């Protein structure tokens, strides 16, 4: 009776049927793996409740889908198309968010194929590596050199190349991104994207710029553009 309850109406005698205990074991292991990935992502990261809750469930969802595909090539292609639609209907995320989603999907795929030991081993190794990189601030030092500079100048000052000499001295790369009038047109506000030579020269750079712009407002902040998120 129990076997017939969980048998598909389109199954044949040649179809491999997944037993209920095996199904529950794979799903349970996938849920544990999801909690492992969610805990790893919350370590030294900003997160939302909805994202980590979804992340905890994602391996189990993928695991069930792979078990239901069960060697059917046509169904596998349809599943791949469905995942593509989910990607394009979602809000763009950071590289870390996209990466952890791929890891969760990969672990769920491995569990759905029945390799539970490999699924746990994969999850533990990748989680440990990710937490180690976060602990060591891997790649963070260079990212801290990317800055956005807002500098205000009087309207009678020709801004074309006026700060190029100073910026070339203190930065390895700079680019004028925007010119905007402010204060009823009496002032210009220039926006640059900079890559500092090192983090300790920021104040010295500001002091040099103050001498050139008449001690008007100067703001240095973290790079505002999202182009560097991936």
C-alpha atoms as a PDB file:
ATOM      1  CA  UNK A   1       0.000   0.000   0.000  1.00  0.00           C
ATOM      2  CA  UNK A   2       2.756   2.428   0.937  1.00  0.00           C
ATOM      3  CA  UNK A   3       4.722   1.679  -2.237  1.00  0.00           C
ATOM      4  CA  UNK A   4       1.696   2.261  -4.448  1.00  0.00           C
ATOM      5  CA  UNK A   5       0.978   5.570  -2.701  1.00  0.00           C
ATOM      6  CA  UNK A   6       4.387   6.967  -3.671  1.00  0.00           C
ATOM      7  CA  UNK A   7       4.468   5.460  -7.162  1.00  0.00           C
ATOM      8  CA  UNK A   8       4.024   7.804 -10.114  1.00  0.00           C
ATOM      9  CA  UNK A   9       0.989   7.307 -12.308  1.00  0.00           C
ATOM     10  CA  UNK A  10       3.240   7.311 -15.389  1.00  0.00           C
ATOM     11  CA  UNK A  11       5.783   4.847 -13.957  1.00  0.00           C
ATOM     12  CA  UNK A  12       6.387   1.508 -15.631  1.00  0.00           C
ATOM     13  CA  UNK A  13       7.919  -1.754 -14.468  1.00  0.00           C
ATOM     14  CA  UNK A  14      11.269  -0.505 -15.845  1.00  0.00           C
ATOM     15  CA  UNK A  15      11.209   2.634 -13.665  1.00  0.00           C
ATOM     16  CA  UNK A  16      13.421   2.742 -10.590  1.00  0.00           C
ATOM     17  CA  UNK A  17      11.325   3.649  -7.555  1.00  0.00           C
ATOM     18  CA  UNK A  18      12.956   5.561  -4.701  1.00  0.00           C
ATOM     19  CA  UNK A  19      11.930   4.093  -1.368  1.00  0.00           C
ATOM     20  CA  UNK A  20      10.460   6.356   1.292  1.00  0.00           C
ATOM     21  CA  UNK A  21      13.304   5.789   3.816  1.00  0.00           C
ATOM     22  CA  UNK A  22      15.909   6.657   1.153  1.00  0.00           C
ATOM     23  CA  UNK A  23      13.913   9.733   0.163  1.00  0.00           C
ATOM     24  CA  UNK A  24      13.675  10.951   3.764  1.00  0.00           C
ATOM     25  CA  UNK A  25      17.373  10.248   4.365  1.00  0.00           C
ATOM     26  CA  UNK A  26      18.449  12.301   1.331  1.00  0.00           C
ATOM     27  CA  UNK A  27      16.116  15.187   2.166  1.00  0.00           C
ATOM     28  CA  UNK A  28      17.184  15.182   5.821  1.00  0.00           C
ATOM     29  CA  UNK A  29      20.857  15.257   4.888  1.00  0.00           C
ATOM     30  CA  UNK A  30      20.173  18.078   2.426  1.00  0.00           C
ATOM     31  CA  UNK A  31      18.448  20.131   5.126  1.00  0.00           C
ATOM     32  CA  UNK A  32      21.465  19.676   7.412  1.00  0.00           C
ATOM     33  CA  UNK A  33      23.750  20.752   4.566  1.00  0.00           C
ATOM     34  CA  UNK A  34      21.530  23.802   3.993  1.00  0.00           C
ATOM     35  CA  UNK A  35      21.862  24.805   7.640  1.00  0.00           C
ATOM     36  CA  UNK A  36      25.630  24.383   7.337  1.00  0.00           C
ATOM     37  CA  UNK A  37      25.779  26.726   4.340  1.00  0.00           C
ATOM     38  CA  UNK A  38      23.450  29.247   6.003  1.00  0.00           C
ATOM     39  CA  UNK A  39      25.622  29.316   9.132  1.00  0.00           C
ATOM     40  CA  UNK A  40      28.752  29.708   7.023  1.00  0.00           C
ATOM     41  CA  UNK A  41      27.232  32.613   5.081  1.00  0.00           C
ATOM     42  CA  UNK A  42      26.181  34.419   8.274  1.00  0.00           C
ATOM     43  CA  UNK A  43      29.799  34.355   9.494  1.00  0.00           C
ATOM     44  CA  UNK A  44      31.204  37.886   9.114  1.00  0.00           C
ATOM     45  CA  UNK A  45      28.644  38.803   6.440  1.00  0.00           C
ATOM     46  CA  UNK A  46      25.633  41.075   6.185  1.00  0.00           C
ATOM     47  CA  UNK A  47      22.522  39.064   5.429  1.00  0.00           C
ATOM     48  CA  UNK A  48      18.748  39.161   5.406  1.00  0.00           C
ATOM     49  CA  UNK A  49      16.447  36.694   7.125  1.00  0.00           C
ATOM     50  CA  UNK A  50      14.738  35.713   3.867  1.00  0.00           C
ATOM     51  CA  UNK A  51      18.036  35.001   2.091  1.00  0.00           C
ATOM     52  CA  UNK A  52      19.505  32.692   4.757  1.00  0.00           C
ATOM     53  CA  UNK A  53      16.146  30.911   5.173  1.00  0.00           C
ATOM     54  CA  UNK A  54      16.005  30.274   1.428  1.00  0.00           C
ATOM     55  CA  UNK A  55      19.640  29.198   1.431  1.00  0.00           C
ATOM     56  CA  UNK A  56      18.916  26.636   4.157  1.00  0.00           C
ATOM     57  CA  UNK A  57      16.122  25.088   2.066  1.00  0.00           C
ATOM     58  CA  UNK A  58      17.770  25.263  -1.368  1.00  0.00           C
ATOM     59  CA  UNK A  59      19.884  22.047  -1.155  1.00  0.00           C
ATOM     60  CA  UNK A  60      16.788  20.038  -0.183  1.00  0.00           C
ATOM     61  CA  UNK A  61      14.799  21.495  -3.086  1.00  0.00           C
ATOM     62  CA  UNK A  62      17.531  20.645  -5.600  1.00  0.00           C
ATOM     63  CA  UNK A  63      17.959  17.199  -4.029  1.00  0.00           C
ATOM     64  CA  UNK A  64      14.277  16.365  -4.478  1.00  0.00           C
ATOM     65  CA  UNK A  65      14.250  17.639  -8.056  1.00  0.00           C
ATOM     66  CA  UNK A  66      17.287  15.516  -8.967  1.00  0.00           C
ATOM     67  CA  UNK A  67      15.762  12.443  -7.345  1.00  0.00           C
ATOM     68  CA  UNK A  68      12.536  12.948  -9.298  1.00  0.00           C
ATOM     69  CA  UNK A  69      14.442  13.377 -12.575  1.00  0.00           C
ATOM     70  CA  UNK A  70      15.993   9.961 -11.917  1.00  0.00           C
ATOM     71  CA  UNK A  71      17.921   9.618 -15.180  1.00  0.00           C
ATOM     72  CA  UNK A  72      15.283  11.163 -17.468  1.00  0.00           C
ATOM     73  CA  UNK A  73      17.238  13.350 -19.910  1.00  0.00           C
ATOM     74  CA  UNK A  74      14.217  15.312 -21.107  1.00  0.00           C
ATOM     75  CA  UNK A  75      13.147  16.170 -17.580  1.00  0.00           C
ATOM     76  CA  UNK A  76      16.735  17.150 -16.742  1.00  0.00           C
ATOM     77  CA  UNK A  77      16.777  19.665 -19.621  1.00  0.00           C
ATOM     78  CA  UNK A  78      13.467  21.108 -18.405  1.00  0.00           C
ATOM     79  CA  UNK A  79      14.858  21.479 -14.893  1.00  0.00           C
ATOM     80  CA  UNK A  80      17.924  23.321 -16.222  1.00  0.00           C
ATOM     81  CA  UNK A  81      15.624  25.702 -18.090  1.00  0.00           C
ATOM     82  CA  UNK A  82      13.588  26.314 -14.947  1.00  0.00           C
ATOM     83  CA  UNK A  83      16.703  27.221 -12.968  1.00  0.00           C
ATOM     84  CA  UNK A  84      17.690  29.661 -15.744  1.00  0.00           C
ATOM     85  CA  UNK A  85      14.301  31.377 -15.487  1.00  0.00           C
ATOM     86  CA  UNK A  86      14.720  31.717 -11.726  1.00  0.00           C
ATOM     87  CA  UNK A  87      18.088  33.400 -12.276  1.00  0.00           C
ATOM     88  CA  UNK A  88      16.711  36.006 -14.675  1.00  0.00           C
ATOM     89  CA  UNK A  89      13.655  36.723 -12.534  1.00  0.00           C
ATOM     90  CA  UNK A  90      15.715  37.366  -9.413  1.00  0.00           C
ATOM     91  CA  UNK A  91      17.287  40.588  -8.159  1.00  0.00           C
ATOM     92  CA  UNK A  92      20.980  40.885  -9.118  1.00  0.00           C
ATOM     93  CA  UNK A  93      23.186  39.954  -6.198  1.00  0.00           C
ATOM     94  CA  UNK A  94      26.804  40.163  -5.175  1.00  0.00           C
ATOM     95  CA  UNK A  95      29.399  37.623  -6.213  1.00  0.00           C
ATOM     96  CA  UNK A  96      29.306  36.089  -2.727  1.00  0.00           C
ATOM     97  CA  UNK A  97      25.539  35.588  -2.837  1.00  0.00           C
ATOM     98  CA  UNK A  98      25.657  34.026  -6.296  1.00  0.00           C
ATOM     99  CA  UNK A  99      28.558  31.809  -5.247  1.00  0.00           C
ATOM    100  CA  UNK A 100      26.842  30.461  -2.126  1.00  0.00           C
ATOM    101  CA  UNK A 101      23.694  29.724  -4.133  1.00  0.00           C
ATOM    102  CA  UNK A 102      25.729  27.683  -6.608  1.00  0.00           C
ATOM    103  CA  UNK A 103      27.400  25.833  -3.731  1.00  0.00           C
ATOM    104  CA  UNK A 104      24.028  25.009  -2.178  1.00  0.00           C
ATOM    105  CA  UNK A 105      22.660  23.823  -5.519  1.00  0.00           C
ATOM    106  CA  UNK A 106      25.776  21.703  -6.104  1.00  0.00           C
ATOM    107  CA  UNK A 107      25.502  20.066  -2.701  1.00  0.00           C
ATOM    108  CA  UNK A 108      21.807  19.360  -3.283  1.00  0.00           C
ATOM    109  CA  UNK A 109      22.599  17.823  -6.671  1.00  0.00           C
ATOM    110  CA  UNK A 110      25.203  15.505  -5.133  1.00  0.00           C
ATOM    111  CA  UNK A 111      22.791  14.477  -2.381  1.00  0.00           C
ATOM    112  CA  UNK A 112      20.004  13.914  -4.904  1.00  0.00           C
ATOM    113  CA  UNK A 113      22.237  11.508  -6.805  1.00  0.00           C
ATOM    114  CA  UNK A 114      22.625   9.499  -3.588  1.00  0.00           C
ATOM    115  CA  UNK A 115      26.235  10.371  -2.708  1.00  0.00           C
ATOM    116  CA  UNK A 116      25.488  11.659   0.780  1.00  0.00           C
ATOM    117  CA  UNK A 117      29.053  11.238   2.050  1.00  0.00           C
ATOM    118  CA  UNK A 118      30.446  13.271  -0.826  1.00  0.00           C
ATOM    119  CA  UNK A 119      27.735  15.894  -0.310  1.00  0.00           C
ATOM    120  CA  UNK A 120      28.754  16.371   3.334  1.00  0.00           C
ATOM    121  CA  UNK A 121      32.468  16.319   2.466  1.00  0.00           C
ATOM    122  CA  UNK A 122      31.958  18.887  -0.294  1.00  0.00           C
ATOM    123  CA  UNK A 123      29.933  21.142   2.009  1.00  0.00           C
ATOM    124  CA  UNK A 124      32.401  20.963   4.917  1.00  0.00           C
ATOM    125  CA  UNK A 125      35.466  21.655   2.753  1.00  0.00           C
ATOM    126  CA  UNK A 126      33.887  24.578   0.890  1.00  0.00           C
ATOM    127  CA  UNK A 127      32.382  26.072   4.065  1.00  0.00           C
ATOM    128  CA  UNK A 128      35.713  25.870   5.892  1.00  0.00           C
ATOM    129  CA  UNK A 129      37.533  27.465   2.956  1.00  0.00           C
ATOM    130  CA  UNK A 130      34.983  30.293   2.716  1.00  0.00           C
ATOM    131  CA  UNK A 131      35.154  31.029   6.455  1.00  0.00           C
ATOM    132  CA  UNK A 132      38.955  30.998   6.307  1.00  0.00           C
ATOM    133  CA  UNK A 133      38.981  33.500   3.448  1.00  0.00           C
ATOM    134  CA  UNK A 134      36.575  35.736   5.372  1.00  0.00           C
ATOM    135  CA  UNK A 135      38.718  35.482   8.492  1.00  0.00           C
ATOM    136  CA  UNK A 136      41.871  36.407   6.568  1.00  0.00           C
ATOM    137  CA  UNK A 137      40.014  39.221   4.725  1.00  0.00           C
ATOM    138  CA  UNK A 138      41.125  37.632   1.461  1.00  0.00           C
ATOM    139  CA  UNK A 139      41.043  40.307  -1.266  1.00  0.00           C
ATOM    140  CA  UNK A 140      39.811  42.968   1.148  1.00  0.00           C
ATOM    141  CA  UNK A 141      42.972  45.053   1.298  1.00  0.00           C
ATOM    142  CA  UNK A 142      42.957  45.862  -2.398  1.00  0.00           C
ATOM    143  CA  UNK A 143      39.203  46.530  -2.359  1.00  0.00           C
ATOM    144  CA  UNK A 144      39.747  49.142   0.376  1.00  0.00           C
ATOM    145  CA  UNK A 145      41.810  51.240  -2.034  1.00  0.00           C
ATOM    146  CA  UNK A 146      38.839  51.862  -4.345  1.00  0.00           C
ATOM    147  CA  UNK A 147      37.357  55.257  -3.440  1.00  0.00           C
ATOM    148  CA  UNK A 148      34.888  57.791  -4.777  1.00  0.00           C
ATOM    149  CA  UNK A 149      35.932  61.444  -4.496  1.00  0.00           C
ATOM    150  CA  UNK A 150      33.414  64.311  -4.491  1.00  0.00           C
ATOM    151  CA  UNK A 151      35.072  67.697  -4.714  1.00  0.00           C
ATOM    152  CA  UNK A 152      33.393  71.115  -4.891  1.00  0.00           C
ATOM    153  CA  UNK A 153      35.003  73.948  -6.851  1.00  0.00           C
ATOM    154  CA  UNK A 154      33.981  77.554  -7.625  1.00  0.00           C
ATOM    155  CA  UNK A 155      32.318  78.202 -10.985  1.00  0.00           C
ATOM    156  CA  UNK A 156      35.183  80.343 -12.283  1.00  0.00           C
ATOM    157  CA  UNK A 157      37.725  77.502 -11.902  1.00  0.00           C
ATOM    158  CA  UNK A 158      38.281  75.476 -15.070  1.00  0.00           C
ATOM    159  CA  UNK A 159      37.968  71.886 -13.865  1.00  0.00           C
ATOM    160  CA  UNK A 160      39.537  70.355 -16.989  1.00  0.00           C
ATOM    161  CA  UNK A 161      42.683  68.658 -15.712  1.00  0.00           C
ATOM    162  CA  UNK A 162      42.970  70.966 -12.705  1.00  0.00           C
ATOM    163  CA  UNK A 163      43.458  68.066 -10.248  1.00  0.00           C
ATOM    164  CA  UNK A 164      45.219  65.613 -12.584  1.00  0.00           C
ATOM    165  CA  UNK A 165      48.688  66.296 -11.197  1.00  0.00           C
ATOM    166  CA  UNK A 166      47.650  65.746  -7.582  1.00  0.00           C
ATOM    167  CA  UNK A 167      45.606  62.648  -8.364  1.00  0.00           C
ATOM    168  CA  UNK A 168      48.396  61.120 -10.456  1.00  0.00           C
ATOM    169  CA  UNK A 169      50.727  61.475  -7.461  1.00  0.00           C
ATOM    170  CA  UNK A 170      48.486  59.764  -4.894  1.00  0.00           C
ATOM    171  CA  UNK A 171      46.520  57.291  -7.013  1.00  0.00           C
ATOM    172  CA  UNK A 172      47.364  54.529  -9.427  1.00  0.00           C
ATOM    173  CA  UNK A 173      44.201  55.190 -11.422  1.00  0.00           C
ATOM    174  CA  UNK A 174      41.578  57.944 -11.505  1.00  0.00           C
ATOM    175  CA  UNK A 175      38.644  58.823 -13.736  1.00  0.00           C
ATOM    176  CA  UNK A 176      36.278  61.797 -13.807  1.00  0.00           C
ATOM    177  CA  UNK A 177      32.802  60.266 -13.688  1.00  0.00           C
ATOM    178  CA  UNK A 178      30.443  63.230 -13.283  1.00  0.00           C
ATOM    179  CA  UNK A 179      30.293  67.026 -13.322  1.00  0.00           C
ATOM    180  CA  UNK A 180      27.319  68.654 -11.609  1.00  0.00           C
ATOM    181  CA  UNK A 181      26.363  72.245 -10.816  1.00  0.00           C
ATOM    182  CA  UNK A 182      25.210  73.027  -7.295  1.00  0.00           C
ATOM    183  CA  UNK A 183      24.275  75.963  -5.048  1.00  0.00           C
ATOM    184  CA  UNK A 184      22.174  77.640  -7.775  1.00  0.00           C
ATOM    185  CA  UNK A 185      24.922  77.193 -10.343  1.00  0.00           C
ATOM    186  CA  UNK A 186      27.602  79.034  -8.371  1.00  0.00           C
ATOM    187  CA  UNK A 187      29.607  75.874  -7.703  1.00  0.00           C
ATOM    188  CA  UNK A 188      30.634  72.721  -9.561  1.00  0.00           C
ATOM    189  CA  UNK A 189      30.688  69.271  -7.954  1.00  0.00           C
ATOM    190  CA  UNK A 190      33.126  66.813  -9.529  1.00  0.00           C
ATOM    191  CA  UNK A 191      32.972  63.054  -8.934  1.00  0.00           C
ATOM    192  CA  UNK A 192      36.051  60.864  -9.457  1.00  0.00           C
ATOM    193  CA  UNK A 193      36.602  57.140  -9.099  1.00  0.00           C
ATOM    194  CA  UNK A 194      40.040  56.538  -7.595  1.00  0.00           C
ATOM    195  CA  UNK A 195      42.395  53.694  -6.804  1.00  0.00           C
ATOM    196  CA  UNK A 196      44.723  54.885  -4.021  1.00  0.00           C
ATOM    197  CA  UNK A 197      48.378  53.822  -4.021  1.00  0.00           C
ATOM    198  CA  UNK A 198      48.002  52.910  -0.336  1.00  0.00           C
ATOM    199  CA  UNK A 199      45.409  53.499   2.374  1.00  0.00           C
ATOM    200  CA  UNK A 200      47.604  55.754   4.520  1.00  0.00           C
ATOM    201  CA  UNK A 201      47.747  58.715   2.112  1.00  0.00           C
ATOM    202  CA  UNK A 202      44.061  59.615   2.095  1.00  0.00           C
ATOM    203  CA  UNK A 203      44.380  62.599   4.459  1.00  0.00           C
ATOM    204  CA  UNK A 204      47.436  63.920   2.625  1.00  0.00           C
ATOM    205  CA  UNK A 205      45.509  63.742  -0.646  1.00  0.00           C
ATOM    206  CA  UNK A 206      42.593  65.680   0.839  1.00  0.00           C
ATOM    207  CA  UNK A 207      44.938  68.374   2.188  1.00  0.00           C
ATOM    208  CA  UNK A 208      46.471  68.838  -1.254  1.00  0.00           C
ATOM    209  CA  UNK A 209      43.060  69.086  -2.889  1.00  0.00           C
ATOM    210  CA  UNK A 210      41.871  71.654  -0.324  1.00  0.00           C
ATOM    211  CA  UNK A 211      44.676  73.984  -1.349  1.00  0.00           C
ATOM    212  CA  UNK A 212      43.547  73.726  -4.977  1.00  0.00           C
ATOM    213  CA  UNK A 213      39.746  74.056  -4.574  1.00  0.00           C
ATOM    214  CA  UNK A 214      39.685  76.986  -2.150  1.00  0.00           C
ATOM    215  CA  UNK A 215      38.962  74.866   0.942  1.00  0.00           C
ATOM    216  CA  UNK A 216      35.458  73.980  -0.265  1.00  0.00           C
ATOM    217  CA  UNK A 217      33.735  70.706   0.545  1.00  0.00           C
ATOM    218  CA  UNK A 218      35.579  67.431  -0.244  1.00  0.00           C
ATOM    219  CA  UNK A 219      34.164  63.940   0.383  1.00  0.00           C
ATOM    220  CA  UNK A 220      35.994  60.621   0.053  1.00  0.00           C
ATOM    221  CA  UNK A 221      33.906  57.463   0.363  1.00  0.00           C
ATOM    222  CA  UNK A 222      33.886  53.801  -0.581  1.00  0.00           C
ATOM    223  CA  UNK A 223      33.532  53.155  -4.303  1.00  0.00           C
ATOM    224  CA  UNK A 224      29.885  53.776  -5.114  1.00  0.00           C
ATOM    225  CA  UNK A 225      29.604  51.917  -8.397  1.00  0.00           C
ATOM    226  CA  UNK A 226      28.342  48.331  -8.293  1.00  0.00           C
ATOM    227  CA  UNK A 227      30.544  47.326 -11.241  1.00  0.00           C
ATOM    228  CA  UNK A 228      33.196  46.065  -8.842  1.00  0.00           C
ATOM    229  CA  UNK A 229      30.837  43.757  -6.946  1.00  0.00           C
ATOM    230  CA  UNK A 230      31.445  40.788  -9.291  1.00  0.00           C
END
